[in-house]
């Protein structure tokens, strides 16, 4: 996890797959408007579980108790980004954490996860 100020060129690279969409400019301007907390989550089925925690892209459709359901109002200001696939997560981790991520395993790992 790290706190970063996102440069416009970096934001454009992060959202490159959305560059042809009419909301691209606003999306880029929003993410560069203040500091961002970038983090990597790991665990079993973490992308699917993470998507549930994050909530639906449209905050009005997001369930209460999700990040978007509790903290967002407009789709263009949905307060959080979450990778939609393991492949995209790998790309985004490489982009946001070029220095790599710290490897660590809790000593409680065997009590949480089956072998």
Protein backbone atom coordinates (compact mmCIF):
# COMPACT_ATOMS: atom_id res chain seq x y z
CA UNK A 1 0.00 0.00 0.00
CA UNK A 2 1.24 3.48 -0.78
CA UNK A 3 -0.07 7.02 -1.05
CA UNK A 4 0.69 8.62 -4.41
CA UNK A 5 -0.05 11.76 -6.37
CA UNK A 6 -1.00 10.57 -9.83
CA UNK A 7 0.43 12.40 -12.84
CA UNK A 8 -1.86 12.91 -15.84
CA UNK A 9 0.32 10.79 -18.17
CA UNK A 10 0.28 7.95 -15.63
CA UNK A 11 -3.51 8.17 -15.27
CA UNK A 12 -3.88 8.04 -19.05
CA UNK A 13 -1.73 4.93 -19.14
CA UNK A 14 -3.70 3.30 -16.30
CA UNK A 15 -7.01 3.97 -18.06
CA UNK A 16 -5.69 3.42 -21.62
CA UNK A 17 -8.33 0.75 -22.32
CA UNK A 18 -11.00 3.41 -21.76
CA UNK A 19 -9.36 6.13 -23.87
CA UNK A 20 -12.03 5.99 -26.59
CA UNK A 21 -14.88 6.45 -24.10
CA UNK A 22 -16.53 9.87 -23.74
CA UNK A 23 -15.90 9.89 -19.96
CA UNK A 24 -12.14 9.27 -20.29
CA UNK A 25 -11.09 12.91 -19.79
CA UNK A 26 -13.22 13.30 -16.68
CA UNK A 27 -11.96 10.01 -15.28
CA UNK A 28 -8.36 11.10 -15.72
CA UNK A 29 -9.03 14.52 -14.18
CA UNK A 30 -10.74 12.90 -11.21
CA UNK A 31 -7.91 10.50 -10.37
CA UNK A 32 -5.29 13.26 -10.59
CA UNK A 33 -7.33 15.65 -8.41
CA UNK A 34 -5.82 14.41 -5.15
CA UNK A 35 -3.70 11.71 -3.57
CA UNK A 36 -4.58 8.07 -4.23
CA UNK A 37 -4.01 5.07 -2.00
CA UNK A 38 -2.73 2.25 -4.20
CA UNK A 39 -2.78 -1.24 -2.75
CA UNK A 40 -2.48 -4.87 -3.67
CA UNK A 41 -4.85 -7.40 -2.16
CA UNK A 42 -4.09 -11.10 -2.20
CA UNK A 43 -5.94 -14.25 -1.25
CA UNK A 44 -8.15 -16.97 -2.64
CA UNK A 45 -10.41 -15.67 -5.40
CA UNK A 46 -9.26 -12.17 -4.47
CA UNK A 47 -10.45 -10.52 -7.69
CA UNK A 48 -14.00 -11.85 -7.31
CA UNK A 49 -14.05 -11.16 -3.58
CA UNK A 50 -12.57 -7.71 -4.10
CA UNK A 51 -15.23 -6.87 -6.67
CA UNK A 52 -17.90 -7.76 -4.10
CA UNK A 53 -16.25 -5.55 -1.46
CA UNK A 54 -15.87 -2.67 -3.93
CA UNK A 55 -19.48 -2.90 -5.19
CA UNK A 56 -21.13 -2.30 -8.53
CA UNK A 57 -19.53 0.25 -10.86
CA UNK A 58 -22.65 2.39 -10.67
CA UNK A 59 -22.86 3.44 -7.01
CA UNK A 60 -26.66 3.65 -7.27
CA UNK A 61 -26.68 -0.10 -7.97
CA UNK A 62 -24.02 -0.92 -5.36
CA UNK A 63 -25.16 -2.79 -2.28
CA UNK A 64 -25.03 -1.07 1.11
CA UNK A 65 -21.91 -2.22 2.94
CA UNK A 66 -19.77 -2.05 -0.19
CA UNK A 67 -17.26 0.76 -0.65
CA UNK A 68 -19.19 2.30 -3.54
CA UNK A 69 -22.54 1.63 -1.90
CA UNK A 70 -21.48 3.48 1.25
CA UNK A 71 -19.19 6.20 -0.08
CA UNK A 72 -20.08 7.03 -3.70
CA UNK A 73 -23.00 8.79 -5.37
CA UNK A 74 -22.13 9.32 -9.05
CA UNK A 75 -20.68 6.76 -11.45
CA UNK A 76 -17.99 9.23 -12.56
CA UNK A 77 -16.94 9.69 -8.94
CA UNK A 78 -17.14 6.11 -7.71
CA UNK A 79 -14.18 6.53 -5.28
CA UNK A 80 -12.39 3.23 -5.98
CA UNK A 81 -10.95 1.15 -8.79
CA UNK A 82 -10.65 -2.60 -8.64
CA UNK A 83 -9.09 -4.92 -11.19
CA UNK A 84 -11.66 -6.94 -13.12
CA UNK A 85 -9.46 -9.96 -13.81
CA UNK A 86 -6.26 -11.59 -12.60
CA UNK A 87 -4.60 -10.68 -15.89
CA UNK A 88 -5.51 -6.99 -15.50
CA UNK A 89 -4.49 -7.09 -11.83
CA UNK A 90 -1.03 -8.28 -12.83
CA UNK A 91 -0.73 -5.44 -15.37
CA UNK A 92 -1.95 -2.87 -12.86
CA UNK A 93 0.36 -4.13 -10.10
CA UNK A 94 3.31 -3.87 -12.49
CA UNK A 95 2.25 -0.31 -13.39
CA UNK A 96 1.55 0.95 -9.87
CA UNK A 97 4.32 -1.00 -8.10
CA UNK A 98 7.28 -1.16 -10.50
CA UNK A 99 9.55 -1.63 -7.50
CA UNK A 100 7.65 -4.82 -6.66
CA UNK A 101 5.64 -5.65 -3.58
CA UNK A 102 6.81 -6.82 -0.18
CA UNK A 103 6.48 -10.56 0.29
CA UNK A 104 5.10 -11.51 3.68
CA UNK A 105 3.15 -14.40 5.13
CA UNK A 106 1.46 -14.35 8.51
CA UNK A 107 2.33 -17.16 10.88
CA UNK A 108 -1.43 -17.73 11.08
CA UNK A 109 -1.63 -18.55 7.36
CA UNK A 110 -2.00 -22.33 7.93
CA UNK A 111 -4.89 -21.65 10.34
CA UNK A 112 -6.70 -19.50 7.76
CA UNK A 113 -6.07 -21.46 4.55
CA UNK A 114 -6.38 -25.19 3.99
CA UNK A 115 -3.33 -26.84 2.45
